[in-house]
Amino acid sequence: MTVRLTTQVLHLLAVMLEEPEGEWYGLELFRVTGIKPGTGYPILQRLLRAEWVERREEPIDPRVEGRPARALYRFTPGGRLHAEDAVKGHLTSLAQKGRLKKARVQPA
């Protein structure tokens, strides 16, 4: 399945790549990225369907912790590679556009 690489998707992937072996819970990702949960959870669902990330429940006793278990997200091995390629490709594209703009605005 192809993932539509919007700015928000790329931002979320870039944050997850800061700790590529880590596990993230949704609200933590949204706090760091500034993405609202109403936008972020559908992004995570698309990444799950595309098998870029996997999800598991936090292994806690909700009665002891006084809160429900969190859903934790982490990259699949293939998903991490896809994310690295996507973010790297986007940054390369931005750099090339920046070079083109500089070339056009040079004084004659």
Foldseek 3Di string as FASTA:
>chain_A
DDQDDDPLLLLLLVVCLVPQADKDFQVVSCVVSVPDPVPRVVSVVVCVVVQQKDWDWAPDDCVVVVHGTTIIIHGDVVSNVVSVVVNVVVVVVVVVVVVVVVVVPDDD
